[in-house]
Amino acid sequence: MLFALILIGGPITGAHVNPAVTLAVYISNVRWTEDWDIFLIMWTAQFFGAFWGVCLAWNSLYNPNSILIPPNKLSRAMVPESEIVLLYPADQVSNFDAFQVEAICTFVFVMMCLLVKTGKTKPTKQGFLSSLAVASTLLAMIVIAAPKTGAALNPAVGFAQTCFEIANFGERKNLDNYFWVYILGPFTGGLVAGILWRGQIYAFSIINPPESTEKSVIKLI
């Protein structure tokens, strides 16, 4: 799905999709005033899209007249509990461990996004190959993180999954215990990626002085 979204939306908006990617691009560009408005617009759109994605999922699963085989039952939002996948760390995985996994895997994913978006460092100008590289990196990070954390790797996903849980079960301790992991973890990964990428571009400019520094700027749109 991400591969398709990048191919479709990349030429129009950059197809960040993930607030952690937008944060990293914003930090790496160091254009605080020029990019501030579009930065906030993209964040708003990403969280708004995640919320409506949850609404679509709920609408697709809503079926109060379904025949339930015990011990299955309907949630408060009239969705079969067997169809609900909650986002929380696996057994024997502490909140801090989950935070580290989310942050590190998001960092690797965001660094790949920055690599293929930056004119100076991108290995190919073929948008198809760049999109494939980003999507493949996300797949790899999901395979690594999923058994430990469920692999949100996106603050908007953490937010949306929490909304879905509240709608179906009401107030639960998962909200208090794990919500911060799936918001701060990906944001931390994006923040560190943006800072390190700025340093990498600076080092690249010193090593290759003839190159124009203007190419190091990634347009938010």
Foldseek 3Di string as FASTA:
>chain_A
DQLVQCVVCCVPQNSPLFLLLLLLQQLLQPPCVVCVVVNVVVVVVSLVVLQVVLVVVLVVQADQPDDDDPPWDFFPSRGIPVPADAWFFDPPQALVNLLQLLLQLLLQLSLLSLQCQFPVRRPDPDSSVSSVSSVVSLVVSCVVNCNGTNHPLGLSNLVNSVVNCCSGHNDDVCCVRHSCSSNVSNNNSSNVNSVVLSVVLVVVCVVVVVDDSVRRRGDSD
